[in-house]
Amino acid sequence: MEKEAREKYQKAMEISNQVLAFGKEIVTENASVLTIGDSIEEKIRKLGGGLAFPVNISIDDIAAHYTADINDPLLLKNGNLVKIDVGVQVDGYISDQAFSVFIGEKSHPLIDAAEKAVGEAVKILKPGVRVFEISNLIADVVEEAGFNPIQNLCGHGLERYVQHAEPTIPNGRNTIQDKIESGQAIAMEVFTTDGEGSVKESTPTLIYRFIQDKPTRMPEARKILEIAKKDFEGLPFAKRWLSKTAGGMKLDFALRQLVENGALEGYPVLKEETGGMVAQFETTVVVE
């Protein structure tokens, strides 16, 4: 990895660390999901970073892809298990980090297991180690704690303006022989659950990404497509970021039309299939 890229990854991680510390202070009982999302995203900008994706605020059995909707009324309650997933980019170089909070308590065994699994995985994250070795270690740690890893969620590589790149490092056991290479940026990410350990797509869809130009007759859809193409550099964006473009049913219909014709990709909310509680922990590492 070139020196300039390494320095930008480092800056993104430094900003991310400050943002996570800020986030831990505001994720409290009765806090508004909309206020948390807006505040964390504004903090990233104030510290000189860009948004690699909308702040994910996923609660209880939701593992990923929930971000605040326009005028979202949702408040955090005592007993919620809340995942905060934050992406910071500096000139396209991304830091992807996440933490979990159990509202009303200092911690939760699911959170402890996720943090421990990431810590152990990072210890062996060196050039030459094979993907299956990392995944199997994660599964060992999580299962030893009495829980299941989410089998169909993964840690992943990071590339410039690409949030999910190779290598893919599943949380569950596998036989993938791919080797970790020096200079790779990797988001080491673990999801733990007291459910069976798999997620399924659910509703709503609040996060999108530009894929390609496609003709569309709806004026609101054309405007959204132009914004998506120009403003977000190919990275995911939130429906609520478009609130001034179109409102209510028109916005929902335009987004649905753009997904159906292949112009945008939607990221539906992911829920644990059996309704199990889910915790998440993630950190970004540049492999030396």
C-alpha atoms as a PDB file:
ATOM      1  CA  MET A   1       0.000   0.000   0.000  1.00  0.00           C
ATOM      2  CA  GLU A   2       1.299   3.430  -0.925  1.00  0.00           C
ATOM      3  CA  LYS A   3       2.153   5.901   1.820  1.00  0.00           C
ATOM      4  CA  GLU A   4      -0.591   8.356   0.821  1.00  0.00           C
ATOM      5  CA  ALA A   5      -3.294   5.683   0.957  1.00  0.00           C
ATOM      6  CA  ARG A   6      -2.053   4.436   4.320  1.00  0.00           C
ATOM      7  CA  GLU A   7      -2.098   7.971   5.737  1.00  0.00           C
ATOM      8  CA  LYS A   8      -5.672   8.522   4.545  1.00  0.00           C
ATOM      9  CA  TYR A   9      -6.825   5.232   6.050  1.00  0.00           C
ATOM     10  CA  GLN A  10      -5.164   6.327   9.280  1.00  0.00           C
ATOM     11  CA  LYS A  11      -6.903   9.713   9.223  1.00  0.00           C
ATOM     12  CA  ALA A  12     -10.253   8.044   8.561  1.00  0.00           C
ATOM     13  CA  MET A  13      -9.671   5.714  11.521  1.00  0.00           C
ATOM     14  CA  GLU A  14      -8.699   8.598  13.796  1.00  0.00           C
ATOM     15  CA  ILE A  15     -11.895  10.463  12.897  1.00  0.00           C
ATOM     16  CA  SER A  16     -13.903   7.275  13.328  1.00  0.00           C
ATOM     17  CA  ASN A  17     -12.487   6.679  16.811  1.00  0.00           C
ATOM     18  CA  GLN A  18     -13.572  10.161  17.898  1.00  0.00           C
ATOM     19  CA  VAL A  19     -17.004   9.679  16.354  1.00  0.00           C
ATOM     20  CA  LEU A  20     -17.513   6.331  18.099  1.00  0.00           C
ATOM     21  CA  ALA A  21     -16.617   7.896  21.449  1.00  0.00           C
ATOM     22  CA  PHE A  22     -19.180  10.627  20.745  1.00  0.00           C
ATOM     23  CA  GLY A  23     -21.764   8.049  19.696  1.00  0.00           C
ATOM     24  CA  LYS A  24     -21.405   6.070  22.909  1.00  0.00           C
ATOM     25  CA  GLU A  25     -22.325   9.195  24.866  1.00  0.00           C
ATOM     26  CA  ILE A  26     -25.591   9.846  23.014  1.00  0.00           C
ATOM     27  CA  VAL A  27     -26.938   6.296  22.655  1.00  0.00           C
ATOM     28  CA  THR A  28     -29.119   6.372  25.763  1.00  0.00           C
ATOM     29  CA  GLU A  29     -32.655   5.572  26.881  1.00  0.00           C
ATOM     30  CA  ASN A  30     -35.278   7.793  25.191  1.00  0.00           C
ATOM     31  CA  ALA A  31     -32.751   9.053  22.642  1.00  0.00           C
ATOM     32  CA  SER A  32     -34.190   9.635  19.176  1.00  0.00           C
ATOM     33  CA  VAL A  33     -32.847   7.393  16.418  1.00  0.00           C
ATOM     34  CA  LEU A  34     -33.162  10.323  14.004  1.00  0.00           C
ATOM     35  CA  THR A  35     -31.183  12.637  16.299  1.00  0.00           C
ATOM     36  CA  ILE A  36     -28.484  10.003  16.836  1.00  0.00           C
ATOM     37  CA  GLY A  37     -28.062   9.445  13.097  1.00  0.00           C
ATOM     38  CA  ASP A  38     -28.012  13.136  12.195  1.00  0.00           C
ATOM     39  CA  SER A  39     -25.660  13.974  15.086  1.00  0.00           C
ATOM     40  CA  ILE A  40     -23.120  11.265  14.271  1.00  0.00           C
ATOM     41  CA  GLU A  41     -23.117  12.141  10.573  1.00  0.00           C
ATOM     42  CA  GLU A  42     -22.668  15.833  11.382  1.00  0.00           C
ATOM     43  CA  LYS A  43     -19.809  14.949  13.761  1.00  0.00           C
ATOM     44  CA  ILE A  44     -18.033  13.099  10.946  1.00  0.00           C
ATOM     45  CA  ARG A  45     -18.268  16.174   8.716  1.00  0.00           C
ATOM     46  CA  LYS A  46     -17.116  18.558  11.468  1.00  0.00           C
ATOM     47  CA  LEU A  47     -14.019  16.424  12.040  1.00  0.00           C
ATOM     48  CA  GLY A  48     -13.127  16.612   8.350  1.00  0.00           C
ATOM     49  CA  GLY A  49     -14.371  13.228   7.184  1.00  0.00           C
ATOM     50  CA  GLY A  50     -16.865  12.148   4.577  1.00  0.00           C
ATOM     51  CA  LEU A  51     -19.696   9.655   4.980  1.00  0.00           C
ATOM     52  CA  ALA A  52     -18.858   6.195   3.660  1.00  0.00           C
ATOM     53  CA  PHE A  53     -22.468   5.126   4.289  1.00  0.00           C
ATOM     54  CA  PRO A  54     -25.417   6.260   6.420  1.00  0.00           C
ATOM     55  CA  VAL A  55     -25.061   5.570  10.131  1.00  0.00           C
ATOM     56  CA  ASN A  56     -26.713   2.207  10.832  1.00  0.00           C
ATOM     57  CA  ILE A  57     -28.749   2.112  14.061  1.00  0.00           C
ATOM     58  CA  SER A  58     -30.010  -1.456  14.264  1.00  0.00           C
ATOM     59  CA  ILE A  59     -32.048  -2.573  17.273  1.00  0.00           C
ATOM     60  CA  ASP A  60     -32.622  -5.994  18.907  1.00  0.00           C
ATOM     61  CA  ASP A  61     -33.174  -8.655  16.190  1.00  0.00           C
ATOM     62  CA  ILE A  62     -32.231  -6.223  13.404  1.00  0.00           C
ATOM     63  CA  ALA A  63     -28.605  -6.940  12.544  1.00  0.00           C
ATOM     64  CA  ALA A  64     -27.918  -4.276   9.925  1.00  0.00           C
ATOM     65  CA  HIS A  65     -29.152  -1.696   7.405  1.00  0.00           C
ATOM     66  CA  TYR A  66     -31.552   0.264   9.594  1.00  0.00           C
ATOM     67  CA  THR A  67     -30.877   3.978   9.433  1.00  0.00           C
ATOM     68  CA  ALA A  68     -33.227   6.728  10.531  1.00  0.00           C
ATOM     69  CA  ASP A  69     -36.101   7.457   8.163  1.00  0.00           C
ATOM     70  CA  ILE A  70     -37.418  10.942   7.364  1.00  0.00           C
ATOM     71  CA  ASN A  71     -39.159  12.229  10.528  1.00  0.00           C
ATOM     72  CA  ASP A  72     -38.416   8.884  12.208  1.00  0.00           C
ATOM     73  CA  PRO A  73     -40.319   8.805  15.562  1.00  0.00           C
ATOM     74  CA  LEU A  74     -38.388   5.813  16.981  1.00  0.00           C
ATOM     75  CA  LEU A  75     -36.913   6.236  20.480  1.00  0.00           C
ATOM     76  CA  LEU A  76     -34.494   3.880  22.239  1.00  0.00           C
ATOM     77  CA  LYS A  77     -35.987   1.973  25.160  1.00  0.00           C
ATOM     78  CA  ASN A  78     -34.571   0.274  28.228  1.00  0.00           C
ATOM     79  CA  GLY A  79     -33.556  -3.266  27.236  1.00  0.00           C
ATOM     80  CA  ASN A  80     -32.850  -2.472  23.569  1.00  0.00           C
ATOM     81  CA  LEU A  81     -29.695  -4.008  22.132  1.00  0.00           C
ATOM     82  CA  VAL A  82     -28.491  -1.254  19.787  1.00  0.00           C
ATOM     83  CA  LYS A  83     -25.841  -1.580  17.066  1.00  0.00           C
ATOM     84  CA  ILE A  84     -24.158   1.610  15.787  1.00  0.00           C
ATOM     85  CA  ASP A  85     -22.213   1.068  12.540  1.00  0.00           C
ATOM     86  CA  VAL A  86     -20.213   4.077  11.333  1.00  0.00           C
ATOM     87  CA  GLY A  87     -18.394   4.576   8.029  1.00  0.00           C
ATOM     88  CA  VAL A  88     -15.891   7.402   7.603  1.00  0.00           C
ATOM     89  CA  GLN A  89     -14.061   8.089   4.362  1.00  0.00           C
ATOM     90  CA  VAL A  90     -11.162  10.386   3.569  1.00  0.00           C
ATOM     91  CA  ASP A  91     -10.738  10.834  -0.184  1.00  0.00           C
ATOM     92  CA  GLY A  92     -12.455   7.462  -0.607  1.00  0.00           C
ATOM     93  CA  TYR A  93     -10.346   5.550   1.933  1.00  0.00           C
ATOM     94  CA  ILE A  94     -12.768   4.020   4.423  1.00  0.00           C
ATOM     95  CA  SER A  95     -12.814   3.224   8.120  1.00  0.00           C
ATOM     96  CA  ASP A  96     -15.742   0.942   8.973  1.00  0.00           C
ATOM     97  CA  GLN A  97     -16.326   0.461  12.709  1.00  0.00           C
ATOM     98  CA  ALA A  98     -19.236  -0.571  14.921  1.00  0.00           C
ATOM     99  CA  PHE A  99     -20.155  -1.003  18.572  1.00  0.00           C
ATOM    100  CA  SER A 100     -23.177  -2.228  20.505  1.00  0.00           C
ATOM    101  CA  VAL A 101     -24.965  -0.873  23.571  1.00  0.00           C
ATOM    102  CA  PHE A 102     -27.491  -2.630  25.814  1.00  0.00           C
ATOM    103  CA  ILE A 103     -29.713   0.213  26.991  1.00  0.00           C
ATOM    104  CA  GLY A 104     -29.951   0.301  30.789  1.00  0.00           C
ATOM    105  CA  GLU A 105     -26.907  -1.898  31.455  1.00  0.00           C
ATOM    106  CA  LYS A 106     -23.138  -1.492  31.128  1.00  0.00           C
ATOM    107  CA  SER A 107     -22.842  -4.490  28.823  1.00  0.00           C
ATOM    108  CA  HIS A 108     -24.415  -7.749  27.665  1.00  0.00           C
ATOM    109  CA  PRO A 109     -22.893 -11.223  27.105  1.00  0.00           C
ATOM    110  CA  LEU A 110     -23.658 -11.020  23.374  1.00  0.00           C
ATOM    111  CA  ILE A 111     -21.683  -7.761  23.155  1.00  0.00           C
ATOM    112  CA  ASP A 112     -18.787  -9.230  25.126  1.00  0.00           C
ATOM    113  CA  ALA A 113     -18.661 -12.247  22.807  1.00  0.00           C
ATOM    114  CA  ALA A 114     -18.624 -10.076  19.658  1.00  0.00           C
ATOM    115  CA  GLU A 115     -15.847  -7.856  21.019  1.00  0.00           C
ATOM    116  CA  LYS A 116     -13.755 -10.838  22.117  1.00  0.00           C
ATOM    117  CA  ALA A 117     -14.175 -12.580  18.759  1.00  0.00           C
ATOM    118  CA  VAL A 118     -13.006  -9.489  16.849  1.00  0.00           C
ATOM    119  CA  GLY A 119     -10.061  -9.068  19.218  1.00  0.00           C
ATOM    120  CA  GLU A 120      -8.931 -12.663  18.732  1.00  0.00           C
ATOM    121  CA  ALA A 121      -9.402 -12.450  14.963  1.00  0.00           C
ATOM    122  CA  VAL A 122      -7.308  -9.276  14.727  1.00  0.00           C
ATOM    123  CA  LYS A 123      -4.450 -11.037  16.555  1.00  0.00           C
ATOM    124  CA  ILE A 124      -4.075 -13.551  13.706  1.00  0.00           C
ATOM    125  CA  LEU A 125      -4.923 -11.128  10.876  1.00  0.00           C
ATOM    126  CA  LYS A 126      -1.508 -11.310   9.208  1.00  0.00           C
ATOM    127  CA  PRO A 127      -0.242 -11.954   5.674  1.00  0.00           C
ATOM    128  CA  GLY A 128      -0.599 -15.613   4.745  1.00  0.00           C
ATOM    129  CA  VAL A 129      -3.367 -16.562   7.161  1.00  0.00           C
ATOM    130  CA  ARG A 130      -6.286 -18.197   5.369  1.00  0.00           C
ATOM    131  CA  VAL A 131      -9.877 -16.983   5.563  1.00  0.00           C
ATOM    132  CA  PHE A 132     -11.193 -20.240   7.039  1.00  0.00           C
ATOM    133  CA  GLU A 133      -8.723 -19.965   9.930  1.00  0.00           C
ATOM    134  CA  ILE A 134     -10.090 -16.551  10.896  1.00  0.00           C
ATOM    135  CA  SER A 135     -13.732 -17.611  10.484  1.00  0.00           C
ATOM    136  CA  ASN A 136     -13.276 -20.797  12.498  1.00  0.00           C
ATOM    137  CA  LEU A 137     -11.595 -18.867  15.306  1.00  0.00           C
ATOM    138  CA  ILE A 138     -14.531 -16.426  15.387  1.00  0.00           C
ATOM    139  CA  ALA A 139     -16.982 -19.333  15.582  1.00  0.00           C
ATOM    140  CA  ASP A 140     -14.956 -20.966  18.367  1.00  0.00           C
ATOM    141  CA  VAL A 141     -15.002 -17.814  20.506  1.00  0.00           C
ATOM    142  CA  VAL A 142     -18.693 -17.100  19.963  1.00  0.00           C
ATOM    143  CA  GLU A 143     -19.817 -20.692  20.525  1.00  0.00           C
ATOM    144  CA  GLU A 144     -17.674 -20.972  23.649  1.00  0.00           C
ATOM    145  CA  ALA A 145     -19.649 -18.012  25.021  1.00  0.00           C
ATOM    146  CA  GLY A 146     -22.880 -19.943  24.401  1.00  0.00           C
ATOM    147  CA  PHE A 147     -24.065 -18.061  21.302  1.00  0.00           C
ATOM    148  CA  ASN A 148     -24.057 -18.375  17.515  1.00  0.00           C
ATOM    149  CA  PRO A 149     -22.264 -16.233  14.937  1.00  0.00           C
ATOM    150  CA  ILE A 150     -24.458 -14.907  12.123  1.00  0.00           C
ATOM    151  CA  GLN A 151     -23.464 -17.377   9.416  1.00  0.00           C
ATOM    152  CA  ASN A 152     -24.432 -15.228   6.423  1.00  0.00           C
ATOM    153  CA  LEU A 153     -22.768 -11.989   7.539  1.00  0.00           C
ATOM    154  CA  CYS A 154     -19.092 -11.299   7.022  1.00  0.00           C
ATOM    155  CA  GLY A 155     -16.050  -9.213   7.677  1.00  0.00           C
ATOM    156  CA  HIS A 156     -14.742  -7.763   4.437  1.00  0.00           C
ATOM    157  CA  GLY A 157     -12.035  -5.944   2.589  1.00  0.00           C
ATOM    158  CA  LEU A 158     -12.116  -2.206   1.918  1.00  0.00           C
ATOM    159  CA  GLU A 159     -10.934  -0.445  -1.217  1.00  0.00           C
ATOM    160  CA  ARG A 160     -11.057   3.158  -2.340  1.00  0.00           C
ATOM    161  CA  TYR A 161     -14.744   4.145  -2.611  1.00  0.00           C
ATOM    162  CA  VAL A 162     -15.679   0.456  -2.165  1.00  0.00           C
ATOM    163  CA  GLN A 163     -17.205  -0.440   1.180  1.00  0.00           C
ATOM    164  CA  HIS A 164     -17.388  -4.214   0.591  1.00  0.00           C
ATOM    165  CA  ALA A 165     -14.414  -5.688  -1.264  1.00  0.00           C
ATOM    166  CA  GLU A 166     -12.428  -8.918  -1.190  1.00  0.00           C
ATOM    167  CA  PRO A 167     -11.606 -10.780   0.939  1.00  0.00           C
ATOM    168  CA  THR A 168     -14.934 -11.849   2.402  1.00  0.00           C
ATOM    169  CA  ILE A 169     -14.489 -13.314   5.898  1.00  0.00           C
ATOM    170  CA  PRO A 170     -17.675 -15.131   7.003  1.00  0.00           C
ATOM    171  CA  ASN A 171     -18.571 -15.238  10.679  1.00  0.00           C
ATOM    172  CA  GLY A 172     -19.405 -18.948  10.351  1.00  0.00           C
ATOM    173  CA  ARG A 173     -17.185 -21.955   9.733  1.00  0.00           C
ATOM    174  CA  ASN A 174     -16.042 -22.555   6.141  1.00  0.00           C
ATOM    175  CA  THR A 175     -13.188 -23.955   4.060  1.00  0.00           C
ATOM    176  CA  ILE A 176     -12.215 -20.802   2.124  1.00  0.00           C
ATOM    177  CA  GLN A 177      -8.503 -21.059   1.268  1.00  0.00           C
ATOM    178  CA  ASP A 178      -7.916 -17.419   0.208  1.00  0.00           C
ATOM    179  CA  LYS A 179      -4.957 -15.827   1.986  1.00  0.00           C
ATOM    180  CA  ILE A 180      -4.774 -12.429   3.653  1.00  0.00           C
ATOM    181  CA  GLU A 181      -2.233 -10.192   1.909  1.00  0.00           C
ATOM    182  CA  SER A 182      -0.001  -7.407   3.169  1.00  0.00           C
ATOM    183  CA  GLY A 183      -1.435  -3.949   2.539  1.00  0.00           C
ATOM    184  CA  GLN A 184      -5.074  -5.008   2.553  1.00  0.00           C
ATOM    185  CA  ALA A 185      -7.528  -2.874   4.513  1.00  0.00           C
ATOM    186  CA  ILE A 186     -10.004  -5.128   6.267  1.00  0.00           C
ATOM    187  CA  ALA A 187     -13.142  -4.410   8.290  1.00  0.00           C
ATOM    188  CA  MET A 188     -13.046  -7.193  10.874  1.00  0.00           C
ATOM    189  CA  GLU A 189     -16.707  -7.584  11.784  1.00  0.00           C
ATOM    190  CA  VAL A 190     -18.562 -10.060  13.990  1.00  0.00           C
ATOM    191  CA  PHE A 191     -22.290 -10.465  14.671  1.00  0.00           C
ATOM    192  CA  THR A 192     -23.415 -12.648  17.588  1.00  0.00           C
ATOM    193  CA  THR A 193     -26.918 -13.876  18.378  1.00  0.00           C
ATOM    194  CA  ASP A 194     -28.921 -15.995  20.794  1.00  0.00           C
ATOM    195  CA  GLY A 195     -30.971 -17.069  17.760  1.00  0.00           C
ATOM    196  CA  GLU A 196     -30.092 -19.748  15.235  1.00  0.00           C
ATOM    197  CA  GLY A 197     -27.533 -17.562  13.449  1.00  0.00           C
ATOM    198  CA  SER A 198     -28.849 -16.387  10.092  1.00  0.00           C
ATOM    199  CA  VAL A 199     -30.362 -13.152   8.783  1.00  0.00           C
ATOM    200  CA  LYS A 200     -33.070 -12.547   6.203  1.00  0.00           C
ATOM    201  CA  GLU A 201     -34.085  -9.453   4.262  1.00  0.00           C
ATOM    202  CA  SER A 202     -36.984  -7.549   5.777  1.00  0.00           C
ATOM    203  CA  THR A 203     -38.572  -4.105   5.611  1.00  0.00           C
ATOM    204  CA  PRO A 204     -38.107  -1.200   5.307  1.00  0.00           C
ATOM    205  CA  THR A 205     -35.417  -0.279   2.783  1.00  0.00           C
ATOM    206  CA  LEU A 206     -33.805   3.003   3.831  1.00  0.00           C
ATOM    207  CA  ILE A 207     -30.341   2.742   2.231  1.00  0.00           C
ATOM    208  CA  TYR A 208     -29.508   2.794  -1.502  1.00  0.00           C
ATOM    209  CA  ARG A 209     -26.531   2.952  -3.852  1.00  0.00           C
ATOM    210  CA  PHE A 210     -26.145   4.202  -7.431  1.00  0.00           C
ATOM    211  CA  ILE A 211     -25.500   1.407  -9.931  1.00  0.00           C
ATOM    212  CA  GLN A 212     -25.990   2.824 -13.435  1.00  0.00           C
ATOM    213  CA  ASP A 213     -27.875   5.363 -15.506  1.00  0.00           C
ATOM    214  CA  LYS A 214     -31.274   4.151 -16.626  1.00  0.00           C
ATOM    215  CA  PRO A 215     -34.050   6.048 -18.431  1.00  0.00           C
ATOM    216  CA  THR A 216     -36.999   6.951 -16.228  1.00  0.00           C
ATOM    217  CA  ARG A 217     -40.101   9.011 -16.974  1.00  0.00           C
ATOM    218  CA  MET A 218     -40.800  10.217 -13.447  1.00  0.00           C
ATOM    219  CA  PRO A 219     -39.261  13.683 -12.797  1.00  0.00           C
ATOM    220  CA  GLU A 220     -38.577  12.906  -9.126  1.00  0.00           C
ATOM    221  CA  ALA A 221     -36.831   9.675 -10.097  1.00  0.00           C
ATOM    222  CA  ARG A 222     -34.643  11.501 -12.644  1.00  0.00           C
ATOM    223  CA  LYS A 223     -33.654  14.059 -10.005  1.00  0.00           C
ATOM    224  CA  ILE A 224     -32.841  11.368  -7.436  1.00  0.00           C
ATOM    225  CA  LEU A 225     -30.751   9.495  -9.985  1.00  0.00           C
ATOM    226  CA  GLU A 226     -28.795  12.643 -10.822  1.00  0.00           C
ATOM    227  CA  ILE A 227     -28.105  13.324  -7.127  1.00  0.00           C
ATOM    228  CA  ALA A 228     -27.151   9.695  -6.488  1.00  0.00           C
ATOM    229  CA  LYS A 229     -24.747   9.754  -9.429  1.00  0.00           C
ATOM    230  CA  LYS A 230     -23.047  13.051  -8.555  1.00  0.00           C
ATOM    231  CA  ASP A 231     -23.117  13.460  -4.782  1.00  0.00           C
ATOM    232  CA  PHE A 232     -22.271  10.128  -3.163  1.00  0.00           C
ATOM    233  CA  GLU A 233     -19.272   8.868  -5.177  1.00  0.00           C
ATOM    234  CA  GLY A 234     -20.766   5.416  -5.637  1.00  0.00           C
ATOM    235  CA  LEU A 235     -21.149   4.889  -1.885  1.00  0.00           C
ATOM    236  CA  PRO A 236     -24.443   4.064  -0.107  1.00  0.00           C
ATOM    237  CA  PHE A 237     -26.790   6.903   0.824  1.00  0.00           C
ATOM    238  CA  ALA A 238     -29.892   7.302   3.011  1.00  0.00           C
ATOM    239  CA  LYS A 239     -33.452   7.918   1.892  1.00  0.00           C
ATOM    240  CA  ARG A 240     -33.633  10.778   4.439  1.00  0.00           C
ATOM    241  CA  TRP A 241     -30.768  12.564   2.667  1.00  0.00           C
ATOM    242  CA  LEU A 242     -33.210  13.032  -0.219  1.00  0.00           C
ATOM    243  CA  SER A 243     -36.010  14.608   1.848  1.00  0.00           C
ATOM    244  CA  LYS A 244     -35.712  17.941   0.006  1.00  0.00           C
ATOM    245  CA  THR A 245     -35.843  16.247  -3.398  1.00  0.00           C
ATOM    246  CA  ALA A 246     -39.288  14.701  -3.092  1.00  0.00           C
ATOM    247  CA  GLY A 247     -41.648  13.938  -0.254  1.00  0.00           C
ATOM    248  CA  GLY A 248     -43.876  11.166   0.986  1.00  0.00           C
ATOM    249  CA  MET A 249     -45.289   8.722  -1.517  1.00  0.00           C
ATOM    250  CA  LYS A 250     -43.510  10.324  -4.473  1.00  0.00           C
ATOM    251  CA  LEU A 251     -40.101   9.670  -2.922  1.00  0.00           C
ATOM    252  CA  ASP A 252     -40.959   6.073  -2.025  1.00  0.00           C
ATOM    253  CA  PHE A 253     -42.376   5.410  -5.488  1.00  0.00           C
ATOM    254  CA  ALA A 254     -39.370   6.992  -7.239  1.00  0.00           C
ATOM    255  CA  LEU A 255     -36.879   4.957  -5.216  1.00  0.00           C
ATOM    256  CA  ARG A 256     -38.814   1.743  -5.822  1.00  0.00           C
ATOM    257  CA  GLN A 257     -38.907   2.484  -9.558  1.00  0.00           C
ATOM    258  CA  LEU A 258     -35.141   3.095  -9.662  1.00  0.00           C
ATOM    259  CA  VAL A 259     -34.422  -0.168  -7.857  1.00  0.00           C
ATOM    260  CA  GLU A 260     -36.743  -2.122 -10.135  1.00  0.00           C
ATOM    261  CA  ASN A 261     -35.094  -0.786 -13.309  1.00  0.00           C
ATOM    262  CA  GLY A 262     -31.592  -1.484 -11.997  1.00  0.00           C
ATOM    263  CA  ALA A 263     -30.454   2.125 -11.575  1.00  0.00           C
ATOM    264  CA  LEU A 264     -30.139   1.844  -7.797  1.00  0.00           C
ATOM    265  CA  GLU A 265     -29.410  -1.013  -5.417  1.00  0.00           C
ATOM    266  CA  GLY A 266     -31.497  -1.123  -2.247  1.00  0.00           C
ATOM    267  CA  TYR A 267     -30.254  -2.485   1.076  1.00  0.00           C
ATOM    268  CA  PRO A 268     -33.249  -3.946   2.945  1.00  0.00           C
ATOM    269  CA  VAL A 269     -33.117  -4.209   6.720  1.00  0.00           C
ATOM    270  CA  LEU A 270     -31.574  -7.537   7.809  1.00  0.00           C
ATOM    271  CA  LYS A 271     -33.237  -9.387  10.700  1.00  0.00           C
ATOM    272  CA  GLU A 272     -32.213 -12.528  12.566  1.00  0.00           C
ATOM    273  CA  GLU A 273     -34.426 -15.242  11.099  1.00  0.00           C
ATOM    274  CA  THR A 274     -35.629 -16.660  14.416  1.00  0.00           C
ATOM    275  CA  GLY A 275     -36.045 -13.293  16.161  1.00  0.00           C
ATOM    276  CA  GLY A 276     -32.880 -13.631  18.218  1.00  0.00           C
ATOM    277  CA  MET A 277     -31.142 -10.622  19.717  1.00  0.00           C
ATOM    278  CA  VAL A 278     -28.043  -9.531  17.784  1.00  0.00           C
ATOM    279  CA  ALA A 279     -24.852  -7.747  18.854  1.00  0.00           C
ATOM    280  CA  GLN A 280     -22.147  -6.389  16.544  1.00  0.00           C
ATOM    281  CA  PHE A 281     -18.560  -5.271  16.893  1.00  0.00           C
ATOM    282  CA  GLU A 282     -16.259  -4.105  14.093  1.00  0.00           C
ATOM    283  CA  THR A 283     -12.897  -2.477  13.614  1.00  0.00           C
ATOM    284  CA  THR A 284     -10.768  -1.609  10.590  1.00  0.00           C
ATOM    285  CA  VAL A 285      -7.207  -2.889  10.215  1.00  0.00           C
ATOM    286  CA  VAL A 286      -4.551  -2.278   7.575  1.00  0.00           C
ATOM    287  CA  VAL A 287      -2.656  -5.573   7.392  1.00  0.00           C
ATOM    288  CA  GLU A 288       1.080  -5.187   7.865  1.00  0.00           C
END
